C-alpha atoms as a PDB file:
ATOM      1  CA  MET A   1     105.389 200.175 139.548  1.00  0.00           C
ATOM      2  CA  GLU A   2     101.595 200.747 140.229  1.00  0.00           C
ATOM      3  CA  LEU A   3     100.724 200.904 136.777  1.00  0.00           C
ATOM      4  CA  ALA A   4     102.495 197.562 136.101  1.00  0.00           C
ATOM      5  CA  ILE A   5     100.594 195.974 139.050  1.00  0.00           C
ATOM      6  CA  VAL A   6      97.315 197.406 137.542  1.00  0.00           C
ATOM      7  CA  ILE A   7      98.178 195.979 134.100  1.00  0.00           C
ATOM      8  CA  ALA A   8      98.787 192.582 135.744  1.00  0.00           C
ATOM      9  CA  VAL A   9      95.652 192.507 137.858  1.00  0.00           C
ATOM     10  CA  VAL A  10      93.579 193.548 134.717  1.00  0.00           C
ATOM     11  CA  VAL A  11      95.246 190.580 132.787  1.00  0.00           C
ATOM     12  CA  VAL A  12      94.611 188.139 135.641  1.00  0.00           C
ATOM     13  CA  ALA A  13      90.981 189.250 135.687  1.00  0.00           C
ATOM     14  CA  LEU A  14      90.512 188.691 132.171  1.00  0.00           C
ATOM     15  CA  ILE A  15      91.963 185.254 132.625  1.00  0.00           C
ATOM     16  CA  PHE A  16      89.335 184.659 135.202  1.00  0.00           C
ATOM     17  CA  ASP A  17      86.730 185.962 132.890  1.00  0.00           C
ATOM     18  CA  TYR A  18      88.023 183.447 130.124  1.00  0.00           C
ATOM     19  CA  THR A  19      88.096 180.459 132.612  1.00  0.00           C
ATOM     20  CA  ASN A  20      84.528 181.636 133.733  1.00  0.00           C
ATOM     21  CA  GLY A  21      83.343 181.344 130.155  1.00  0.00           C
ATOM     22  CA  PHE A  22      84.642 177.793 129.503  1.00  0.00           C
ATOM     23  CA  HIS A  23      83.756 176.742 133.039  1.00  0.00           C
ATOM     24  CA  ASP A  24      80.164 178.047 132.601  1.00  0.00           C
ATOM     25  CA  ALA A  25      79.508 177.418 128.829  1.00  0.00           C
ATOM     26  CA  ALA A  26      77.821 174.398 130.025  1.00  0.00           C
ATOM     27  CA  ASN A  27      75.233 176.235 131.950  1.00  0.00           C
ATOM     28  CA  ALA A  28      73.640 177.965 129.134  1.00  0.00           C
ATOM     29  CA  ILE A  29      73.828 175.060 126.464  1.00  0.00           C
ATOM     30  CA  ALA A  30      74.031 171.682 128.134  1.00  0.00           C
ATOM     31  CA  THR A  31      70.441 171.258 128.347  1.00  0.00           C
ATOM     32  CA  SER A  32      69.943 172.090 124.545  1.00  0.00           C
ATOM     33  CA  VAL A  33      72.871 169.819 123.673  1.00  0.00           C
ATOM     34  CA  SER A  34      71.540 166.940 125.550  1.00  0.00           C
ATOM     35  CA  THR A  35      68.178 166.901 124.135  1.00  0.00           C
ATOM     36  CA  ARG A  36      69.745 167.226 120.763  1.00  0.00           C
ATOM     37  CA  ALA A  37      67.887 170.753 120.171  1.00  0.00           C
ATOM     38  CA  LEU A  38      71.363 172.117 118.918  1.00  0.00           C
ATOM     39  CA  THR A  39      74.582 170.612 117.987  1.00  0.00           C
ATOM     40  CA  PRO A  40      77.434 171.515 120.473  1.00  0.00           C
ATOM     41  CA  ARG A  41      79.442 173.665 118.155  1.00  0.00           C
ATOM     42  CA  VAL A  42      76.119 175.694 116.967  1.00  0.00           C
ATOM     43  CA  ALA A  43      75.200 175.815 120.577  1.00  0.00           C
ATOM     44  CA  LEU A  44      78.572 177.224 121.762  1.00  0.00           C
ATOM     45  CA  GLY A  45      78.647 179.794 118.984  1.00  0.00           C
ATOM     46  CA  MET A  46      75.258 181.011 120.039  1.00  0.00           C
ATOM     47  CA  ALA A  47      76.131 181.089 123.618  1.00  0.00           C
ATOM     48  CA  ALA A  48      79.524 183.090 122.806  1.00  0.00           C
ATOM     49  CA  VAL A  49      77.537 185.645 120.973  1.00  0.00           C
ATOM     50  CA  MET A  50      74.905 186.141 123.423  1.00  0.00           C
ATOM     51  CA  ASN A  51      77.345 186.103 126.362  1.00  0.00           C
ATOM     52  CA  PHE A  52      79.195 189.005 124.375  1.00  0.00           C
ATOM     53  CA  VAL A  53      75.751 191.026 123.900  1.00  0.00           C
ATOM     54  CA  GLY A  54      74.624 190.228 127.725  1.00  0.00           C
ATOM     55  CA  ALA A  55      77.736 191.869 128.904  1.00  0.00           C
ATOM     56  CA  PHE A  56      76.513 195.212 127.624  1.00  0.00           C
ATOM     57  CA  LEU A  57      73.008 195.065 129.100  1.00  0.00           C
ATOM     58  CA  GLY A  58      73.791 196.431 132.651  1.00  0.00           C
ATOM     59  CA  GLN A  59      76.279 197.445 135.340  1.00  0.00           C
ATOM     60  CA  LYS A  60      74.536 197.116 138.601  1.00  0.00           C
ATOM     61  CA  VAL A  61      76.138 193.816 139.376  1.00  0.00           C
ATOM     62  CA  ALA A  62      79.492 195.059 138.732  1.00  0.00           C
ATOM     63  CA  GLN A  63      78.969 198.024 141.148  1.00  0.00           C
ATOM     64  CA  THR A  64      77.901 195.341 143.796  1.00  0.00           C
ATOM     65  CA  VAL A  65      81.171 193.316 143.319  1.00  0.00           C
ATOM     66  CA  SER A  66      83.241 196.286 143.534  1.00  0.00           C
ATOM     67  CA  ASP A  67      81.564 197.360 146.665  1.00  0.00           C
ATOM     68  CA  THR A  68      82.246 194.006 148.637  1.00  0.00           C
ATOM     69  CA  ILE A  69      85.682 194.955 149.920  1.00  0.00           C
ATOM     70  CA  ASP A  70      87.664 198.356 150.271  1.00  0.00           C
ATOM     71  CA  PRO A  71      91.213 197.489 149.793  1.00  0.00           C
ATOM     72  CA  GLY A  72      92.326 201.091 149.872  1.00  0.00           C
ATOM     73  CA  THR A  73      94.750 202.352 147.314  1.00  0.00           C
ATOM     74  CA  GLY A  74      98.250 201.635 146.010  1.00  0.00           C
ATOM     75  CA  ALA A  75     100.255 198.493 145.564  1.00  0.00           C
ATOM     76  CA  HIS A  76      99.105 196.892 148.727  1.00  0.00           C
ATOM     77  CA  ALA A  77      95.390 197.346 147.664  1.00  0.00           C
ATOM     78  CA  LEU A  78      96.239 195.957 144.144  1.00  0.00           C
ATOM     79  CA  THR A  79      97.977 192.925 145.897  1.00  0.00           C
ATOM     80  CA  ILE A  80      94.742 192.021 147.609  1.00  0.00           C
ATOM     81  CA  VAL A  81      92.704 192.146 144.346  1.00  0.00           C
ATOM     82  CA  MET A  82      95.295 189.972 142.696  1.00  0.00           C
ATOM     83  CA  ALA A  83      95.186 187.445 145.442  1.00  0.00           C
ATOM     84  CA  GLY A  84      91.350 187.303 145.303  1.00  0.00           C
ATOM     85  CA  LEU A  85      91.413 186.589 141.499  1.00  0.00           C
ATOM     86  CA  ILE A  86      93.996 183.765 141.972  1.00  0.00           C
ATOM     87  CA  GLY A  87      91.723 182.147 144.616  1.00  0.00           C
ATOM     88  CA  ALA A  88      88.939 182.309 142.364  1.00  0.00           C
ATOM     89  CA  ILE A  89      90.904 180.924 139.286  1.00  0.00           C
ATOM     90  CA  ALA A  90      92.376 178.014 141.352  1.00  0.00           C
ATOM     91  CA  TRP A  91      88.963 176.880 142.556  1.00  0.00           C
ATOM     92  CA  ASN A  92      87.358 177.289 139.142  1.00  0.00           C
ATOM     93  CA  MET A  93      90.223 175.012 137.546  1.00  0.00           C
ATOM     94  CA  ILE A  94      89.925 172.372 140.509  1.00  0.00           C
ATOM     95  CA  THR A  95      86.074 172.089 139.923  1.00  0.00           C
ATOM     96  CA  TRP A  96      86.517 172.181 136.127  1.00  0.00           C
ATOM     97  CA  TYR A  97      89.017 169.232 136.198  1.00  0.00           C
ATOM     98  CA  PHE A  98      86.563 167.140 138.400  1.00  0.00           C
ATOM     99  CA  GLY A  99      83.733 168.115 136.068  1.00  0.00           C
ATOM    100  CA  LEU A 100      81.582 169.804 139.007  1.00  0.00           C
ATOM    101  CA  PRO A 101      79.409 172.826 138.049  1.00  0.00           C
ATOM    102  CA  SER A 102      80.296 175.142 141.018  1.00  0.00           C
ATOM    103  CA  SER A 103      79.966 178.841 140.988  1.00  0.00           C
ATOM    104  CA  SER A 104      82.597 181.178 139.450  1.00  0.00           C
ATOM    105  CA  SER A 105      80.672 184.136 141.076  1.00  0.00           C
ATOM    106  CA  HIS A 106      80.974 182.865 144.685  1.00  0.00           C
ATOM    107  CA  ALA A 107      84.571 181.775 143.949  1.00  0.00           C
ATOM    108  CA  LEU A 108      85.246 185.312 142.961  1.00  0.00           C
ATOM    109  CA  ILE A 109      83.493 186.954 145.962  1.00  0.00           C
ATOM    110  CA  GLY A 110      84.977 184.300 148.205  1.00  0.00           C
ATOM    111  CA  GLY A 111      88.523 185.108 146.774  1.00  0.00           C
ATOM    112  CA  LEU A 112      88.137 188.710 147.467  1.00  0.00           C
ATOM    113  CA  VAL A 113      86.686 188.517 150.982  1.00  0.00           C
ATOM    114  CA  GLY A 114      89.617 185.897 151.908  1.00  0.00           C
ATOM    115  CA  ALA A 115      92.316 188.320 150.421  1.00  0.00           C
ATOM    116  CA  ALA A 116      90.607 191.056 152.370  1.00  0.00           C
ATOM    117  CA  LEU A 117      90.511 189.142 155.824  1.00  0.00           C
ATOM    118  CA  ALA A 118      94.209 188.049 155.311  1.00  0.00           C
ATOM    119  CA  ALA A 119      95.230 191.641 154.671  1.00  0.00           C
ATOM    120  CA  SER A 120      92.982 192.916 157.584  1.00  0.00           C
ATOM    121  CA  VAL A 121      91.284 195.547 155.438  1.00  0.00           C
ATOM    122  CA  PHE A 122      87.557 196.426 155.229  1.00  0.00           C
ATOM    123  CA  VAL A 123      84.886 193.841 154.186  1.00  0.00           C
ATOM    124  CA  ASN A 124      81.515 195.370 153.557  1.00  0.00           C
ATOM    125  CA  TRP A 125      79.685 192.320 155.362  1.00  0.00           C
ATOM    126  CA  THR A 126      76.208 194.074 154.731  1.00  0.00           C
ATOM    127  CA  THR A 127      76.701 193.743 150.896  1.00  0.00           C
ATOM    128  CA  VAL A 128      78.063 190.224 151.250  1.00  0.00           C
ATOM    129  CA  LEU A 129      75.293 188.998 153.330  1.00  0.00           C
ATOM    130  CA  ASN A 130      72.316 190.898 151.450  1.00  0.00           C
ATOM    131  CA  LYS A 131      73.549 190.575 147.908  1.00  0.00           C
ATOM    132  CA  VAL A 132      75.761 187.529 148.016  1.00  0.00           C
ATOM    133  CA  VAL A 133      74.998 185.040 150.775  1.00  0.00           C
ATOM    134  CA  ILE A 134      71.176 185.316 150.807  1.00  0.00           C
ATOM    135  CA  PRO A 135      70.755 185.216 147.008  1.00  0.00           C
ATOM    136  CA  MET A 136      72.966 182.295 146.981  1.00  0.00           C
ATOM    137  CA  LEU A 137      70.741 180.345 149.227  1.00  0.00           C
ATOM    138  CA  VAL A 138      67.375 181.714 147.874  1.00  0.00           C
ATOM    139  CA  SER A 139      68.143 181.579 144.048  1.00  0.00           C
ATOM    140  CA  PRO A 140      68.552 177.590 143.814  1.00  0.00           C
ATOM    141  CA  LEU A 141      65.334 177.130 146.002  1.00  0.00           C
ATOM    142  CA  VAL A 142      63.455 179.457 143.665  1.00  0.00           C
ATOM    143  CA  ALA A 143      64.810 177.871 140.581  1.00  0.00           C
ATOM    144  CA  PHE A 144      63.997 174.320 141.772  1.00  0.00           C
ATOM    145  CA  SER A 145      60.350 175.367 142.976  1.00  0.00           C
ATOM    146  CA  LEU A 146      59.753 177.177 139.617  1.00  0.00           C
ATOM    147  CA  GLY A 147      61.060 174.505 137.431  1.00  0.00           C
ATOM    148  CA  PHE A 148      58.694 172.131 139.121  1.00  0.00           C
ATOM    149  CA  ILE A 149      55.838 174.451 138.849  1.00  0.00           C
ATOM    150  CA  VAL A 150      56.493 175.339 135.168  1.00  0.00           C
ATOM    151  CA  MET A 151      57.104 171.793 133.979  1.00  0.00           C
ATOM    152  CA  LEU A 152      53.797 170.683 135.648  1.00  0.00           C
ATOM    153  CA  SER A 153      52.057 173.453 133.870  1.00  0.00           C
ATOM    154  CA  ILE A 154      53.642 172.457 130.450  1.00  0.00           C
ATOM    155  CA  MET A 155      52.521 168.714 131.022  1.00  0.00           C
ATOM    156  CA  TRP A 156      49.023 169.976 132.056  1.00  0.00           C
ATOM    157  CA  ILE A 157      48.566 172.201 129.062  1.00  0.00           C
ATOM    158  CA  PHE A 158      50.097 169.918 126.224  1.00  0.00           C
ATOM    159  CA  ARG A 159      48.489 166.667 128.026  1.00  0.00           C
ATOM    160  CA  ARG A 160      46.568 165.890 124.883  1.00  0.00           C
ATOM    161  CA  ALA A 161      49.255 166.956 122.207  1.00  0.00           C
ATOM    162  CA  ASN A 162      51.052 164.422 119.880  1.00  0.00           C
ATOM    163  CA  PRO A 163      54.327 163.602 121.826  1.00  0.00           C
ATOM    164  CA  ALA A 164      56.465 163.457 118.744  1.00  0.00           C
ATOM    165  CA  ARG A 165      55.089 166.904 117.297  1.00  0.00           C
ATOM    166  CA  ALA A 166      55.318 168.454 120.949  1.00  0.00           C
ATOM    167  CA  ASN A 167      59.078 167.198 121.151  1.00  0.00           C
ATOM    168  CA  ARG A 168      59.894 168.823 117.693  1.00  0.00           C
ATOM    169  CA  ASN A 169      58.299 172.223 118.639  1.00  0.00           C
ATOM    170  CA  PHE A 170      60.153 172.404 121.999  1.00  0.00           C
ATOM    171  CA  LYS A 171      63.321 171.568 120.435  1.00  0.00           C
ATOM    172  CA  ILE A 172      62.755 174.756 118.472  1.00  0.00           C
ATOM    173  CA  ALA A 173      61.539 176.595 121.388  1.00  0.00           C
ATOM    174  CA  GLN A 174      64.858 175.602 123.231  1.00  0.00           C
ATOM    175  CA  THR A 175      66.928 177.521 120.674  1.00  0.00           C
ATOM    176  CA  VAL A 176      65.264 180.752 122.140  1.00  0.00           C
ATOM    177  CA  SER A 177      65.337 179.546 125.778  1.00  0.00           C
ATOM    178  CA  ALA A 178      69.125 178.605 125.481  1.00  0.00           C
ATOM    179  CA  ALA A 179      69.760 182.107 123.935  1.00  0.00           C
ATOM    180  CA  ALA A 180      67.950 183.741 126.722  1.00  0.00           C
ATOM    181  CA  MET A 181      70.060 181.743 129.292  1.00  0.00           C
ATOM    182  CA  ALA A 182      73.282 182.741 127.550  1.00  0.00           C
ATOM    183  CA  LEU A 183      72.335 186.376 127.418  1.00  0.00           C
ATOM    184  CA  GLY A 184      71.527 186.040 131.206  1.00  0.00           C
ATOM    185  CA  HIS A 185      74.987 184.434 131.852  1.00  0.00           C
ATOM    186  CA  GLY A 186      76.831 187.251 129.919  1.00  0.00           C
ATOM    187  CA  LEU A 187      74.733 189.874 132.029  1.00  0.00           C
ATOM    188  CA  GLN A 188      75.535 188.362 135.249  1.00  0.00           C
ATOM    189  CA  ASP A 189      79.066 186.914 134.817  1.00  0.00           C
ATOM    190  CA  ALA A 190      80.784 189.485 132.615  1.00  0.00           C
ATOM    191  CA  GLN A 191      79.814 192.074 135.094  1.00  0.00           C
ATOM    192  CA  LYS A 192      81.483 190.446 137.890  1.00  0.00           C
ATOM    193  CA  THR A 193      84.802 190.641 136.115  1.00  0.00           C
ATOM    194  CA  MET A 194      84.146 194.297 135.183  1.00  0.00           C
ATOM    195  CA  GLY A 195      83.680 195.021 138.959  1.00  0.00           C
ATOM    196  CA  VAL A 196      86.993 193.487 139.884  1.00  0.00           C
ATOM    197  CA  ILE A 197      88.740 195.552 137.057  1.00  0.00           C
ATOM    198  CA  PHE A 198      86.940 198.675 138.339  1.00  0.00           C
ATOM    199  CA  LEU A 199      88.270 197.854 141.850  1.00  0.00           C
ATOM    200  CA  ALA A 200      91.688 197.571 140.646  1.00  0.00           C
ATOM    201  CA  LEU A 201      91.515 200.760 138.730  1.00  0.00           C
ATOM    202  CA  LEU A 202      89.967 202.381 141.937  1.00  0.00           C
ATOM    203  CA  ALA A 203      92.918 200.974 143.960  1.00  0.00           C
ATOM    204  CA  GLY A 204      95.472 202.328 141.449  1.00  0.00           C
ATOM    205  CA  SER A 205      93.864 205.787 141.590  1.00  0.00           C
ATOM    206  CA  PHE A 206      92.937 205.593 137.736  1.00  0.00           C
ATOM    207  CA  VAL A 207      89.172 206.198 138.310  1.00  0.00           C
ATOM    208  CA  SER A 208      87.012 207.852 141.070  1.00  0.00           C
ATOM    209  CA  ALA A 209      84.578 205.954 143.045  1.00  0.00           C
ATOM    210  CA  ASP A 210      81.601 207.595 141.249  1.00  0.00           C
ATOM    211  CA  ALA A 211      82.886 207.254 137.759  1.00  0.00           C
ATOM    212  CA  ASP A 212      81.226 205.049 135.144  1.00  0.00           C
ATOM    213  CA  LEU A 213      82.669 201.942 133.888  1.00  0.00           C
ATOM    214  CA  PRO A 214      85.201 202.781 130.937  1.00  0.00           C
ATOM    215  CA  LEU A 215      83.962 201.320 127.768  1.00  0.00           C
ATOM    216  CA  TRP A 216      87.237 199.385 127.149  1.00  0.00           C
ATOM    217  CA  VAL A 217      86.571 197.461 130.583  1.00  0.00           C
ATOM    218  CA  ILE A 218      83.086 196.462 129.273  1.00  0.00           C
ATOM    219  CA  PHE A 219      84.383 195.383 125.905  1.00  0.00           C
ATOM    220  CA  SER A 220      87.413 193.418 127.099  1.00  0.00           C
ATOM    221  CA  ALA A 221      85.183 191.582 129.800  1.00  0.00           C
ATOM    222  CA  ALA A 222      82.672 190.594 127.206  1.00  0.00           C
ATOM    223  CA  ALA A 223      85.131 189.498 124.760  1.00  0.00           C
ATOM    224  CA  ALA A 224      87.076 187.317 127.412  1.00  0.00           C
ATOM    225  CA  ILE A 225      83.926 185.519 128.596  1.00  0.00           C
ATOM    226  CA  SER A 226      82.769 185.007 124.901  1.00  0.00           C
ATOM    227  CA  LEU A 227      86.103 183.599 123.969  1.00  0.00           C
ATOM    228  CA  GLY A 228      86.080 181.309 127.020  1.00  0.00           C
ATOM    229  CA  THR A 229      82.473 180.142 126.062  1.00  0.00           C
ATOM    230  CA  TRP A 230      83.635 179.276 122.642  1.00  0.00           C
ATOM    231  CA  ALA A 231      86.553 177.008 124.032  1.00  0.00           C
ATOM    232  CA  GLY A 232      83.660 175.212 125.840  1.00  0.00           C
ATOM    233  CA  GLY A 233      83.577 173.241 129.113  1.00  0.00           C
ATOM    234  CA  TRP A 234      82.653 169.700 128.011  1.00  0.00           C
ATOM    235  CA  ARG A 235      83.410 167.919 131.264  1.00  0.00           C
ATOM    236  CA  ILE A 236      80.658 170.005 133.025  1.00  0.00           C
ATOM    237  CA  MET A 237      78.210 169.817 130.140  1.00  0.00           C
ATOM    238  CA  ARG A 238      78.303 166.177 130.660  1.00  0.00           C
ATOM    239  CA  THR A 239      77.406 166.461 134.216  1.00  0.00           C
ATOM    240  CA  LEU A 240      74.548 169.097 133.791  1.00  0.00           C
ATOM    241  CA  GLY A 241      73.184 167.545 130.666  1.00  0.00           C
ATOM    242  CA  ARG A 242      73.138 163.848 131.396  1.00  0.00           C
ATOM    243  CA  ARG A 243      74.306 162.777 134.755  1.00  0.00           C
ATOM    244  CA  ILE A 244      71.908 164.751 136.947  1.00  0.00           C
ATOM    245  CA  ILE A 245      68.838 163.557 134.850  1.00  0.00           C
ATOM    246  CA  HIS A 246      68.193 162.621 131.313  1.00  0.00           C
ATOM    247  CA  LEU A 247      66.266 165.575 129.900  1.00  0.00           C
ATOM    248  CA  ASP A 248      63.694 165.733 127.026  1.00  0.00           C
ATOM    249  CA  PRO A 249      63.068 168.939 124.940  1.00  0.00           C
ATOM    250  CA  PRO A 250      60.013 170.147 127.079  1.00  0.00           C
ATOM    251  CA  ARG A 251      62.128 169.719 130.383  1.00  0.00           C
ATOM    252  CA  GLY A 252      65.044 171.333 128.876  1.00  0.00           C
ATOM    253  CA  PHE A 253      62.982 174.340 127.731  1.00  0.00           C
ATOM    254  CA  ALA A 254      61.458 174.627 131.092  1.00  0.00           C
ATOM    255  CA  ALA A 255      64.808 174.648 132.863  1.00  0.00           C
ATOM    256  CA  GLU A 256      66.357 177.155 130.648  1.00  0.00           C
ATOM    257  CA  SER A 257      63.397 179.471 130.832  1.00  0.00           C
ATOM    258  CA  VAL A 258      63.054 179.452 134.488  1.00  0.00           C
ATOM    259  CA  ALA A 259      66.859 179.898 134.831  1.00  0.00           C
ATOM    260  CA  ALA A 260      66.975 182.875 132.562  1.00  0.00           C
ATOM    261  CA  GLY A 261      64.077 184.553 134.361  1.00  0.00           C
ATOM    262  CA  VAL A 262      65.841 184.153 137.686  1.00  0.00           C
ATOM    263  CA  LEU A 263      68.980 185.570 136.203  1.00  0.00           C
ATOM    264  CA  TYR A 264      67.440 188.795 134.759  1.00  0.00           C
ATOM    265  CA  THR A 265      65.359 189.359 137.993  1.00  0.00           C
ATOM    266  CA  THR A 266      68.383 189.199 140.233  1.00  0.00           C
ATOM    267  CA  ALA A 267      70.601 191.298 137.950  1.00  0.00           C
ATOM    268  CA  TYR A 268      67.978 194.091 137.464  1.00  0.00           C
ATOM    269  CA  VAL A 269      65.682 194.166 140.578  1.00  0.00           C
ATOM    270  CA  TRP A 270      68.224 193.016 143.340  1.00  0.00           C
ATOM    271  CA  GLU A 271      71.426 193.858 141.578  1.00  0.00           C
ATOM    272  CA  ALA A 272      72.821 190.621 143.169  1.00  0.00           C
ATOM    273  CA  PRO A 273      75.798 188.538 141.629  1.00  0.00           C
ATOM    274  CA  ILE A 274      74.061 185.195 141.770  1.00  0.00           C
ATOM    275  CA  SER A 275      75.521 181.966 140.467  1.00  0.00           C
ATOM    276  CA  THR A 276      74.259 181.018 136.932  1.00  0.00           C
ATOM    277  CA  THR A 277      75.485 177.466 137.555  1.00  0.00           C
ATOM    278  CA  HIS A 278      73.405 177.058 140.987  1.00  0.00           C
ATOM    279  CA  THR A 279      70.392 178.400 139.112  1.00  0.00           C
ATOM    280  CA  ILE A 280      70.325 176.257 135.913  1.00  0.00           C
ATOM    281  CA  THR A 281      71.337 173.114 137.988  1.00  0.00           C
ATOM    282  CA  SER A 282      68.645 173.673 140.250  1.00  0.00           C
ATOM    283  CA  ALA A 283      66.086 174.284 137.604  1.00  0.00           C
ATOM    284  CA  VAL A 284      67.193 171.070 135.904  1.00  0.00           C
ATOM    285  CA  MET A 285      66.571 169.193 139.192  1.00  0.00           C
ATOM    286  CA  GLY A 286      63.194 170.863 139.690  1.00  0.00           C
ATOM    287  CA  VAL A 287      61.993 170.060 136.112  1.00  0.00           C
ATOM    288  CA  GLY A 288      63.568 166.424 136.569  1.00  0.00           C
ATOM    289  CA  ALA A 289      61.481 165.785 139.833  1.00  0.00           C
ATOM    290  CA  THR A 290      58.305 166.075 137.828  1.00  0.00           C
ATOM    291  CA  LYS A 291      59.094 162.709 136.162  1.00  0.00           C
ATOM    292  CA  ARG A 292      59.516 161.139 139.707  1.00  0.00           C
ATOM    293  CA  LEU A 293      61.656 162.117 142.585  1.00  0.00           C
ATOM    294  CA  SER A 294      63.963 158.925 141.806  1.00  0.00           C
ATOM    295  CA  ALA A 295      64.535 160.220 138.256  1.00  0.00           C
ATOM    296  CA  VAL A 296      67.028 162.752 139.653  1.00  0.00           C
ATOM    297  CA  ARG A 297      70.351 161.190 140.329  1.00  0.00           C
ATOM    298  CA  TRP A 298      70.494 162.571 143.785  1.00  0.00           C
ATOM    299  CA  GLY A 299      74.029 160.973 144.387  1.00  0.00           C
ATOM    300  CA  VAL A 300      75.463 163.414 141.643  1.00  0.00           C
ATOM    301  CA  ALA A 301      73.321 166.265 143.058  1.00  0.00           C
ATOM    302  CA  LYS A 302      74.808 165.642 146.443  1.00  0.00           C
ATOM    303  CA  THR A 303      78.328 165.961 145.014  1.00  0.00           C
ATOM    304  CA  ILE A 304      77.390 169.140 143.371  1.00  0.00           C
ATOM    305  CA  VAL A 305      75.947 170.649 146.500  1.00  0.00           C
ATOM    306  CA  TRP A 306      79.211 169.916 148.286  1.00  0.00           C
ATOM    307  CA  ALA A 307      81.000 171.687 145.761  1.00  0.00           C
ATOM    308  CA  TRP A 308      78.722 174.657 146.153  1.00  0.00           C
ATOM    309  CA  VAL A 309      79.151 174.727 149.873  1.00  0.00           C
ATOM    310  CA  LEU A 310      82.996 174.535 149.644  1.00  0.00           C
ATOM    311  CA  THR A 311      83.327 177.137 146.992  1.00  0.00           C
ATOM    312  CA  PHE A 312      83.126 180.318 149.112  1.00  0.00           C
ATOM    313  CA  PRO A 313      85.506 179.096 151.931  1.00  0.00           C
ATOM    314  CA  MET A 314      88.018 177.269 149.605  1.00  0.00           C
ATOM    315  CA  ALA A 315      88.390 180.137 147.214  1.00  0.00           C
ATOM    316  CA  ALA A 316      88.921 182.375 150.276  1.00  0.00           C
ATOM    317  CA  LEU A 317      91.559 180.002 151.590  1.00  0.00           C
ATOM    318  CA  VAL A 318      93.468 179.949 148.539  1.00  0.00           C
ATOM    319  CA  ALA A 319      93.341 183.830 148.203  1.00  0.00           C
ATOM    320  CA  ALA A 320      94.374 184.275 151.675  1.00  0.00           C
ATOM    321  CA  VAL A 321      97.449 182.147 150.997  1.00  0.00           C
ATOM    322  CA  SER A 322      98.249 183.865 147.840  1.00  0.00           C
ATOM    323  CA  TYR A 323      98.069 187.252 149.705  1.00  0.00           C
ATOM    324  CA  TRP A 324     100.698 185.867 152.376  1.00  0.00           C
ATOM    325  CA  ILE A 325     103.044 184.745 149.634  1.00  0.00           C
ATOM    326  CA  LEU A 326     102.682 187.865 147.383  1.00  0.00           C
ATOM    327  CA  SER A 327     102.780 190.403 150.303  1.00  0.00           C
ATOM    328  CA  PRO A 328     106.621 190.133 151.183  1.00  0.00           C
ATOM    329  CA  PHE A 329     107.265 191.223 147.463  1.00  0.00           C
ATOM    330  CA  LEU A 330     105.585 194.593 147.914  1.00  0.00           C
ATOM    331  CA  PRO A 331     107.704 197.692 147.693  1.00  0.00           C
END
């Protein structure tokens, strides 16, 4: 019975990873596509490959995710993890339907915490606060500020450059920055699914707490997010690439470079599962604000911020309800 539940949880975790891929595909490539540096299909293909590679570059974020709650062991613990995943997937699908770039990462953590609270099991609030909530608030501010500063620097350095030639060169540079961004997305987001699968294996007593991540877990999480990316999230791409601000190649390059830098730093230095979505969206707003503050469509930005704020509690609520529905069927 427990093995069957573990398999079901792993399958649902990989479905979440797939939805994360197509929900967040836009993050890595919307700026490159909107500036016409890359065609949509080429951009999606590159993002899929880089997401796959990025998934193999670290395990610290996965460790943080599996530390957020302690559901115990057995069928009850596995039901908690399953409910957490259902909460995250439900919120992903709702925001994807409305074309809002919300955070799959915070949906996942919110789902796990909501299910854990509904089941009255241990939530590691220190980890949630230090590794999730604080980075969730700080990373968009850092990305916005750095985006603004980097773009001002680019404008000053290239102030005497021929605009047409500079645009051409920045289009080429965007291929590199988009690849770096996609690599950072794989590094951050595939690890979150690995952490949940590890949590399920731990709950089913198939691994010990100090064991390394099995290679099949890393490979399957990498493959799922890569396939999801290839499926593409066109609705969100339109929001990020056009509706927040109309980007040109230098601004696209600046936004992607800043976002990639923030993703690598948080993954390797702070081991924090931050939101790729929040990071790139804030960087886009930051570089856009260098035109003039009114160039950023703040109405769209406000809608996105509301989606961000609601992600954690709404995913937690759906997960809690899922747990209450599933728990009576426990053996």
